[in-house]
Amino acid sequence: MNLPNIKLDDLMGQFKELENLKSVFGAPVKIEDRTVVPVASVKINGTGSGSGDGGGPSLKEIGKGGGGGEGEVEIEITPIGFIYEKDGVPTFVKIS
């Protein structure tokens, strides 16, 4: 299977974008006389592994030999509810 060559710096940049609050709180939506803010749960799971026949007591020796590695990242974004203002108080409504 040919997978895209993704640099770790590019991947970390994408994770930093997820830290943005708009990834959890959607853009406010005006519905009649109320403003509603969608809310979502964001879950990130990652795994990685590597192997090779290089090794030794020094960095020069560790770098010898072949090796490989793989990793997987799973990002799950699930809508969980919305926030709106009721009588001047922010109110959260959970989606069942």
N, C-alpha and C. Protein backbone atom coordinates (compact mmCIF):
# COMPACT_ATOMS: atom_id res chain seq x y z
N MET A 1 0.85 -1.17 0.00
CA MET A 1 0.00 0.00 0.00
C MET A 1 0.90 1.24 0.00
N ASN A 2 0.66 2.16 -0.91
CA ASN A 2 1.40 3.41 -0.96
C ASN A 2 0.67 4.48 -0.15
N LEU A 3 1.33 4.95 0.89
CA LEU A 3 0.75 5.98 1.74
C LEU A 3 1.42 7.31 1.43
N PRO A 4 0.72 8.42 1.63
CA PRO A 4 1.33 9.72 1.38
C PRO A 4 2.49 9.95 2.35
N ASN A 5 3.52 10.62 1.86
CA ASN A 5 4.67 10.96 2.69
C ASN A 5 4.32 12.22 3.48
N ILE A 6 4.05 12.07 4.76
CA ILE A 6 3.66 13.20 5.60
C ILE A 6 4.79 13.51 6.57
N LYS A 7 5.22 14.76 6.57
CA LYS A 7 6.27 15.18 7.49
C LYS A 7 5.66 15.41 8.86
N LEU A 8 6.43 15.07 9.89
CA LEU A 8 5.96 15.23 11.27
C LEU A 8 5.61 16.68 11.57
N ASP A 9 6.39 17.63 11.06
CA ASP A 9 6.10 19.05 11.29
C ASP A 9 4.75 19.44 10.70
N ASP A 10 4.42 18.91 9.52
CA ASP A 10 3.13 19.20 8.91
C ASP A 10 1.99 18.64 9.75
N LEU A 11 2.18 17.42 10.26
CA LEU A 11 1.16 16.78 11.08
C LEU A 11 0.97 17.56 12.38
N MET A 12 2.05 17.99 13.00
CA MET A 12 1.94 18.75 14.24
C MET A 12 1.24 20.09 13.99
N GLY A 13 1.47 20.68 12.83
CA GLY A 13 0.78 21.92 12.48
C GLY A 13 -0.71 21.71 12.39
N GLN A 14 -1.12 20.56 11.86
CA GLN A 14 -2.55 20.26 11.77
C GLN A 14 -3.14 20.03 13.15
N PHE A 15 -2.39 19.40 14.06
CA PHE A 15 -2.86 19.23 15.43
C PHE A 15 -3.04 20.57 16.12
N LYS A 16 -2.12 21.50 15.86
CA LYS A 16 -2.23 22.82 16.47
C LYS A 16 -3.49 23.54 16.00
N GLU A 17 -3.87 23.31 14.74
CA GLU A 17 -5.12 23.89 14.23
C GLU A 17 -6.32 23.34 14.99
N LEU A 18 -6.26 22.08 15.42
CA LEU A 18 -7.37 21.49 16.18
C LEU A 18 -7.50 22.11 17.56
N GLU A 19 -6.40 22.69 18.07
CA GLU A 19 -6.45 23.32 19.38
C GLU A 19 -7.28 24.61 19.34
N ASN A 20 -7.53 25.11 18.16
CA ASN A 20 -8.34 26.31 17.99
C ASN A 20 -9.74 26.03 18.52
N LEU A 21 -10.30 26.95 19.29
CA LEU A 21 -11.62 26.74 19.89
C LEU A 21 -12.71 26.50 18.85
N LYS A 22 -12.56 27.00 17.64
CA LYS A 22 -13.58 26.78 16.62
C LYS A 22 -13.66 25.32 16.21
N SER A 23 -12.66 24.53 16.56
CA SER A 23 -12.72 23.11 16.29
C SER A 23 -13.66 22.41 17.27
N VAL A 24 -13.91 23.03 18.42
CA VAL A 24 -14.79 22.46 19.43
C VAL A 24 -16.12 23.22 19.46
N PHE A 25 -16.05 24.52 19.32
CA PHE A 25 -17.23 25.36 19.27
C PHE A 25 -17.39 25.87 17.85
N GLY A 26 -18.51 25.56 17.23
CA GLY A 26 -18.75 26.00 15.87
C GLY A 26 -19.05 27.49 15.82
N ALA A 27 -19.11 28.00 14.62
CA ALA A 27 -19.44 29.41 14.43
C ALA A 27 -20.87 29.67 14.92
N PRO A 28 -21.11 30.78 15.61
CA PRO A 28 -22.47 31.09 16.08
C PRO A 28 -23.44 31.19 14.91
N VAL A 29 -24.64 30.69 15.13
CA VAL A 29 -25.70 30.70 14.11
C VAL A 29 -26.89 31.46 14.68
N LYS A 30 -27.41 32.40 13.94
CA LYS A 30 -28.57 33.18 14.36
C LYS A 30 -29.83 32.43 13.93
N ILE A 31 -30.69 32.06 14.89
CA ILE A 31 -31.97 31.41 14.61
C ILE A 31 -33.05 32.26 15.26
N GLU A 32 -33.84 32.92 14.41
CA GLU A 32 -34.85 33.88 14.85
C GLU A 32 -34.18 34.92 15.75
N ASP A 33 -34.56 35.00 17.01
CA ASP A 33 -33.98 36.03 17.90
C ASP A 33 -32.89 35.48 18.81
N ARG A 34 -32.44 34.24 18.58
CA ARG A 34 -31.41 33.63 19.42
C ARG A 34 -30.16 33.32 18.62
N THR A 35 -29.04 33.37 19.32
CA THR A 35 -27.78 32.94 18.74
C THR A 35 -27.42 31.60 19.35
N VAL A 36 -27.16 30.61 18.50
CA VAL A 36 -26.85 29.25 18.93
C VAL A 36 -25.41 28.93 18.56
N VAL A 37 -24.67 28.32 19.49
CA VAL A 37 -23.28 27.94 19.25
C VAL A 37 -23.18 26.41 19.32
N PRO A 38 -22.88 25.74 18.20
CA PRO A 38 -22.73 24.28 18.22
C PRO A 38 -21.49 23.88 19.04
N VAL A 39 -21.59 22.75 19.73
CA VAL A 39 -20.48 22.24 20.55
C VAL A 39 -20.20 20.80 20.14
N ALA A 40 -18.92 20.46 20.01
CA ALA A 40 -18.51 19.11 19.63
C ALA A 40 -17.41 18.61 20.54
N SER A 41 -17.29 17.32 20.63
CA SER A 41 -16.22 16.66 21.35
C SER A 41 -15.15 16.26 20.34
N VAL A 42 -13.88 16.52 20.65
CA VAL A 42 -12.79 16.14 19.76
C VAL A 42 -11.89 15.15 20.50
N LYS A 43 -11.69 13.97 19.88
CA LYS A 43 -10.83 12.95 20.47
C LYS A 43 -9.74 12.61 19.46
N ILE A 44 -8.48 12.63 19.92
CA ILE A 44 -7.34 12.30 19.06
C ILE A 44 -6.60 11.12 19.67
N ASN A 45 -6.44 10.06 18.89
CA ASN A 45 -5.67 8.88 19.31
C ASN A 45 -4.53 8.69 18.31
N GLY A 46 -3.38 8.31 18.80
CA GLY A 46 -2.25 8.07 17.92
C GLY A 46 -1.41 6.90 18.39
N THR A 47 -0.83 6.19 17.44
CA THR A 47 0.08 5.09 17.75
C THR A 47 1.26 5.18 16.79
N GLY A 48 2.34 4.58 17.17
CA GLY A 48 3.51 4.54 16.30
C GLY A 48 4.41 3.38 16.68
N SER A 49 5.19 2.93 15.73
CA SER A 49 6.15 1.86 16.00
C SER A 49 7.31 1.98 15.03
N GLY A 50 8.39 1.36 15.37
CA GLY A 50 9.56 1.38 14.51
C GLY A 50 10.38 0.12 14.73
N SER A 51 11.23 -0.19 13.76
CA SER A 51 12.11 -1.35 13.88
C SER A 51 13.33 -1.13 13.01
N GLY A 52 14.35 -1.87 13.27
CA GLY A 52 15.57 -1.77 12.46
C GLY A 52 16.65 -2.67 13.01
N ASP A 53 17.71 -2.84 12.22
CA ASP A 53 18.80 -3.69 12.68
C ASP A 53 20.02 -2.88 13.10
N GLY A 54 19.91 -1.56 13.10
CA GLY A 54 20.99 -0.72 13.60
C GLY A 54 21.00 -0.77 15.11
N GLY A 55 22.09 -0.37 15.68
CA GLY A 55 22.16 -0.34 17.15
C GLY A 55 23.58 -0.28 17.62
N GLY A 56 23.76 0.11 18.82
CA GLY A 56 25.09 0.18 19.40
C GLY A 56 25.15 1.27 20.44
N PRO A 57 26.31 1.42 21.06
CA PRO A 57 26.44 2.37 22.16
C PRO A 57 26.53 3.84 21.73
N SER A 58 26.80 4.10 20.45
CA SER A 58 26.93 5.50 20.02
C SER A 58 25.89 5.83 18.96
N LEU A 59 25.62 7.13 18.80
CA LEU A 59 24.65 7.55 17.78
C LEU A 59 25.09 7.13 16.39
N LYS A 60 26.41 7.15 16.13
CA LYS A 60 26.91 6.75 14.81
C LYS A 60 26.56 5.28 14.54
N GLU A 61 26.71 4.42 15.53
CA GLU A 61 26.41 3.00 15.35
C GLU A 61 24.90 2.75 15.31
N ILE A 62 24.14 3.52 16.07
CA ILE A 62 22.69 3.35 16.08
C ILE A 62 22.12 3.64 14.69
N GLY A 63 22.73 4.60 13.99
CA GLY A 63 22.23 5.01 12.67
C GLY A 63 22.53 4.01 11.57
N LYS A 64 23.39 3.04 11.80
CA LYS A 64 23.71 2.05 10.77
C LYS A 64 22.57 1.05 10.62
N GLY A 65 22.45 0.49 9.45
CA GLY A 65 21.46 -0.55 9.23
C GLY A 65 20.15 0.01 8.71
N GLY A 66 19.28 -0.88 8.33
CA GLY A 66 17.98 -0.49 7.81
C GLY A 66 16.97 -0.32 8.92
N GLY A 67 15.86 0.20 8.58
CA GLY A 67 14.81 0.38 9.58
C GLY A 67 13.55 0.88 8.93
N GLY A 68 12.55 0.90 9.70
CA GLY A 68 11.27 1.39 9.19
C GLY A 68 10.37 1.74 10.35
N GLY A 69 9.27 2.33 10.02
CA GLY A 69 8.33 2.69 11.07
C GLY A 69 6.98 2.99 10.47
N GLU A 70 6.01 3.06 11.34
CA GLU A 70 4.68 3.40 10.88
C GLU A 70 3.93 4.08 12.02
N GLY A 71 2.91 4.77 11.67
CA GLY A 71 2.11 5.44 12.67
C GLY A 71 0.69 5.61 12.18
N GLU A 72 -0.18 5.87 13.11
CA GLU A 72 -1.59 6.04 12.76
C GLU A 72 -2.17 7.09 13.68
N VAL A 73 -2.96 7.96 13.11
CA VAL A 73 -3.66 8.99 13.89
C VAL A 73 -5.14 8.90 13.56
N GLU A 74 -5.95 8.87 14.60
CA GLU A 74 -7.40 8.84 14.42
C GLU A 74 -7.98 10.08 15.10
N ILE A 75 -8.75 10.84 14.36
CA ILE A 75 -9.39 12.04 14.90
C ILE A 75 -10.90 11.86 14.77
N GLU A 76 -11.58 11.96 15.91
CA GLU A 76 -13.03 11.77 15.93
C GLU A 76 -13.68 13.04 16.46
N ILE A 77 -14.55 13.64 15.67
CA ILE A 77 -15.26 14.86 16.08
C ILE A 77 -16.75 14.51 16.11
N THR A 78 -17.35 14.66 17.30
CA THR A 78 -18.74 14.27 17.50
C THR A 78 -19.56 15.45 18.04
N PRO A 79 -20.62 15.85 17.35
CA PRO A 79 -21.49 16.90 17.90
C PRO A 79 -22.10 16.42 19.22
N ILE A 80 -22.06 17.28 20.25
CA ILE A 80 -22.62 16.87 21.54
C ILE A 80 -23.74 17.78 22.03
N GLY A 81 -23.89 18.95 21.44
CA GLY A 81 -24.96 19.84 21.89
C GLY A 81 -24.80 21.24 21.34
N PHE A 82 -25.46 22.19 22.01
CA PHE A 82 -25.34 23.58 21.60
C PHE A 82 -25.57 24.48 22.81
N ILE A 83 -25.09 25.70 22.70
CA ILE A 83 -25.23 26.71 23.75
C ILE A 83 -26.07 27.85 23.18
N TYR A 84 -27.00 28.34 23.99
CA TYR A 84 -27.75 29.53 23.61
C TYR A 84 -28.02 30.35 24.87
N GLU A 85 -28.42 31.58 24.70
CA GLU A 85 -28.69 32.45 25.83
C GLU A 85 -30.18 32.42 26.16
N LYS A 86 -30.48 32.18 27.43
CA LYS A 86 -31.86 32.16 27.89
C LYS A 86 -31.96 33.04 29.13
N ASP A 87 -32.73 34.11 29.05
CA ASP A 87 -32.89 35.06 30.17
C ASP A 87 -31.54 35.59 30.64
N GLY A 88 -30.64 35.85 29.70
CA GLY A 88 -29.34 36.42 30.04
C GLY A 88 -28.32 35.42 30.56
N VAL A 89 -28.68 34.14 30.59
CA VAL A 89 -27.78 33.10 31.10
C VAL A 89 -27.45 32.13 29.97
N PRO A 90 -26.13 31.85 29.73
CA PRO A 90 -25.79 30.84 28.72
C PRO A 90 -26.32 29.47 29.16
N THR A 91 -26.97 28.77 28.25
CA THR A 91 -27.58 27.47 28.56
C THR A 91 -27.07 26.43 27.57
N PHE A 92 -26.59 25.30 28.11
CA PHE A 92 -26.11 24.20 27.27
C PHE A 92 -27.22 23.16 27.13
N VAL A 93 -27.48 22.73 25.90
CA VAL A 93 -28.46 21.68 25.63
C VAL A 93 -27.71 20.50 25.00
N LYS A 94 -27.76 19.36 25.68
CA LYS A 94 -27.08 18.15 25.20
C LYS A 94 -27.92 17.48 24.13
N ILE A 95 -27.24 17.02 23.07
CA ILE A 95 -27.92 16.24 22.02
C ILE A 95 -27.93 14.79 22.47
N SER A 96 -29.09 14.19 22.51
CA SER A 96 -29.19 12.79 22.98
C SER A 96 -28.81 11.83 21.90
